[in-house]
Amino acid sequence: DSTLGPLSTLLLDSLIGIQYKRYKDNQAAKIDYRKLSQSEIDEIIEKDVEIQSNSKKQPPFSDVYLTGKPMPLRRPIVLPNCNPGELFTSHIKEGITSSGVA
């Protein structure tokens, strides 16, 4: 039993079809990098380097990235000077409060 119903499904199917056609039509407009000359490639790289050098450095999305780095390059973990039980309790309270559960 679907929660959308047949009319909603028909509408979504049409919208998906339209978007897919736009996507396929846009594929023809893409540049074939194999046909670029070396000077065109160098120009693209220079522009990209300039854009990236002026952009704010993005931190890693998670600590998993940092765990693969050598210890001196990892971000230090600063814990408050309290016992682990109090620290755990404060983290749980903070999580509940920020999630809006309580």
C-alpha atoms as a PDB file:
ATOM      1  CA  ASP A   1       0.000   0.000   0.000  1.00  0.00           C
ATOM      2  CA  SER A   2       1.652   3.217  -1.187  1.00  0.00           C
ATOM      3  CA  THR A   3       1.417   6.440   0.810  1.00  0.00           C
ATOM      4  CA  LEU A   4       1.751   8.505  -2.377  1.00  0.00           C
ATOM      5  CA  GLY A   5      -1.070   7.138  -4.456  1.00  0.00           C
ATOM      6  CA  PRO A   6      -1.244   6.661  -8.216  1.00  0.00           C
ATOM      7  CA  LEU A   7      -1.549  10.365  -9.169  1.00  0.00           C
ATOM      8  CA  SER A   8       1.478  11.374  -7.089  1.00  0.00           C
ATOM      9  CA  THR A   9       3.470   8.519  -8.547  1.00  0.00           C
ATOM     10  CA  LEU A  10       2.505   9.561 -12.078  1.00  0.00           C
ATOM     11  CA  LEU A  11       3.532  13.170 -11.360  1.00  0.00           C
ATOM     12  CA  LEU A  12       6.867  12.117  -9.850  1.00  0.00           C
ATOM     13  CA  ASP A  13       7.531   9.773 -12.760  1.00  0.00           C
ATOM     14  CA  SER A  14       6.941  12.638 -15.219  1.00  0.00           C
ATOM     15  CA  LEU A  15       9.197  15.002 -13.266  1.00  0.00           C
ATOM     16  CA  ILE A  16      11.955  12.414 -13.102  1.00  0.00           C
ATOM     17  CA  GLY A  17      11.607  11.806 -16.849  1.00  0.00           C
ATOM     18  CA  ILE A  18      11.884  15.539 -17.602  1.00  0.00           C
ATOM     19  CA  GLN A  19      14.947  15.932 -15.388  1.00  0.00           C
ATOM     20  CA  TYR A  20      16.606  12.876 -16.922  1.00  0.00           C
ATOM     21  CA  LYS A  21      16.020  14.250 -20.440  1.00  0.00           C
ATOM     22  CA  ARG A  22      17.592  17.576 -19.398  1.00  0.00           C
ATOM     23  CA  TYR A  23      20.535  15.666 -17.947  1.00  0.00           C
ATOM     24  CA  LYS A  24      21.011  13.638 -21.144  1.00  0.00           C
ATOM     25  CA  ASP A  25      20.713  16.770 -23.330  1.00  0.00           C
ATOM     26  CA  ASN A  26      23.332  18.506 -21.189  1.00  0.00           C
ATOM     27  CA  GLN A  27      25.754  15.597 -21.653  1.00  0.00           C
ATOM     28  CA  ALA A  28      26.245  16.639 -25.271  1.00  0.00           C
ATOM     29  CA  ALA A  29      27.406  20.086 -24.137  1.00  0.00           C
ATOM     30  CA  LYS A  30      30.232  18.687 -22.005  1.00  0.00           C
ATOM     31  CA  ILE A  31      33.805  19.233 -23.125  1.00  0.00           C
ATOM     32  CA  ASP A  32      35.729  16.202 -24.294  1.00  0.00           C
ATOM     33  CA  TYR A  33      38.994  16.592 -22.397  1.00  0.00           C
ATOM     34  CA  ARG A  34      40.758  14.309 -24.873  1.00  0.00           C
ATOM     35  CA  LYS A  35      40.343  16.981 -27.554  1.00  0.00           C
ATOM     36  CA  LEU A  36      41.863  19.800 -25.479  1.00  0.00           C
ATOM     37  CA  SER A  37      45.289  21.138 -26.377  1.00  0.00           C
ATOM     38  CA  GLN A  38      48.060  21.306 -23.782  1.00  0.00           C
ATOM     39  CA  SER A  39      47.726  25.101 -23.575  1.00  0.00           C
ATOM     40  CA  GLU A  40      43.970  24.799 -22.902  1.00  0.00           C
ATOM     41  CA  ILE A  41      44.638  22.249 -20.166  1.00  0.00           C
ATOM     42  CA  ASP A  42      47.316  24.499 -18.617  1.00  0.00           C
ATOM     43  CA  GLU A  43      44.889  27.454 -18.659  1.00  0.00           C
ATOM     44  CA  ILE A  44      42.189  25.424 -16.903  1.00  0.00           C
ATOM     45  CA  ILE A  45      44.678  24.250 -14.258  1.00  0.00           C
ATOM     46  CA  GLU A  46      45.984  27.798 -13.683  1.00  0.00           C
ATOM     47  CA  LYS A  47      42.447  29.125 -13.154  1.00  0.00           C
ATOM     48  CA  ASP A  48      41.645  26.261 -10.790  1.00  0.00           C
ATOM     49  CA  VAL A  49      44.833  26.799  -8.756  1.00  0.00           C
ATOM     50  CA  GLU A  50      44.023  30.514  -8.475  1.00  0.00           C
ATOM     51  CA  ILE A  51      40.459  29.812  -7.324  1.00  0.00           C
ATOM     52  CA  GLN A  52      41.619  27.227  -4.778  1.00  0.00           C
ATOM     53  CA  SER A  53      44.430  29.406  -3.427  1.00  0.00           C
ATOM     54  CA  ASN A  54      41.930  32.216  -2.728  1.00  0.00           C
ATOM     55  CA  SER A  55      39.393  29.872  -1.122  1.00  0.00           C
ATOM     56  CA  LYS A  56      39.122  29.248   2.594  1.00  0.00           C
ATOM     57  CA  LYS A  57      40.757  25.971   3.585  1.00  0.00           C
ATOM     58  CA  GLN A  58      38.100  23.364   4.321  1.00  0.00           C
ATOM     59  CA  PRO A  59      38.583  21.252   7.447  1.00  0.00           C
ATOM     60  CA  PRO A  60      38.092  17.486   7.216  1.00  0.00           C
ATOM     61  CA  PHE A  61      34.493  16.303   7.473  1.00  0.00           C
ATOM     62  CA  SER A  62      35.245  13.907  10.306  1.00  0.00           C
ATOM     63  CA  ASP A  63      37.889  12.801  12.768  1.00  0.00           C
ATOM     64  CA  VAL A  64      38.314   9.566  10.808  1.00  0.00           C
ATOM     65  CA  TYR A  65      40.540  11.501   8.404  1.00  0.00           C
ATOM     66  CA  LEU A  66      42.730  12.655  11.287  1.00  0.00           C
ATOM     67  CA  THR A  67      43.130   9.189  12.792  1.00  0.00           C
ATOM     68  CA  GLY A  68      45.094   8.160   9.705  1.00  0.00           C
ATOM     69  CA  LYS A  69      47.620  10.945  10.242  1.00  0.00           C
ATOM     70  CA  PRO A  70      50.757  10.652  12.374  1.00  0.00           C
ATOM     71  CA  MET A  71      50.262  11.709  15.998  1.00  0.00           C
ATOM     72  CA  PRO A  72      52.094  15.080  15.716  1.00  0.00           C
ATOM     73  CA  LEU A  73      49.771  16.161  12.880  1.00  0.00           C
ATOM     74  CA  ARG A  74      46.525  15.265  14.621  1.00  0.00           C
ATOM     75  CA  ARG A  75      44.314  17.873  16.202  1.00  0.00           C
ATOM     76  CA  PRO A  76      44.847  17.747  19.951  1.00  0.00           C
ATOM     77  CA  ILE A  77      41.894  16.605  22.042  1.00  0.00           C
ATOM     78  CA  VAL A  78      41.425  18.995  24.934  1.00  0.00           C
ATOM     79  CA  LEU A  79      39.430  17.544  27.788  1.00  0.00           C
ATOM     80  CA  PRO A  80      38.214  19.599  30.727  1.00  0.00           C
ATOM     81  CA  ASN A  81      39.867  18.852  34.036  1.00  0.00           C
ATOM     82  CA  CYS A  82      37.164  16.657  35.587  1.00  0.00           C
ATOM     83  CA  ASN A  83      36.475  12.993  36.143  1.00  0.00           C
ATOM     84  CA  PRO A  84      35.264  10.849  33.218  1.00  0.00           C
ATOM     85  CA  GLY A  85      31.826  10.258  34.759  1.00  0.00           C
ATOM     86  CA  GLU A  86      31.109  13.981  34.975  1.00  0.00           C
ATOM     87  CA  LEU A  87      32.413  14.495  31.449  1.00  0.00           C
ATOM     88  CA  PHE A  88      30.171  11.729  30.082  1.00  0.00           C
ATOM     89  CA  THR A  89      27.139  13.096  31.943  1.00  0.00           C
ATOM     90  CA  SER A  90      27.740  16.622  30.638  1.00  0.00           C
ATOM     91  CA  HIS A  91      28.087  15.347  27.056  1.00  0.00           C
ATOM     92  CA  ILE A  92      24.828  13.380  27.327  1.00  0.00           C
ATOM     93  CA  LYS A  93      22.995  16.400  28.770  1.00  0.00           C
ATOM     94  CA  GLU A  94      24.406  18.666  26.061  1.00  0.00           C
ATOM     95  CA  GLY A  95      23.377  16.206  23.346  1.00  0.00           C
ATOM     96  CA  ILE A  96      19.839  15.861  24.677  1.00  0.00           C
ATOM     97  CA  THR A  97      19.462  19.620  25.013  1.00  0.00           C
ATOM     98  CA  SER A  98      20.805  20.406  21.540  1.00  0.00           C
ATOM     99  CA  SER A  99      18.664  17.700  19.911  1.00  0.00           C
ATOM    100  CA  GLY A 100      15.500  19.186  21.361  1.00  0.00           C
ATOM    101  CA  VAL A 101      14.425  15.912  22.972  1.00  0.00           C
ATOM    102  CA  ALA A 102      14.203  17.469  26.437  1.00  0.00           C
END
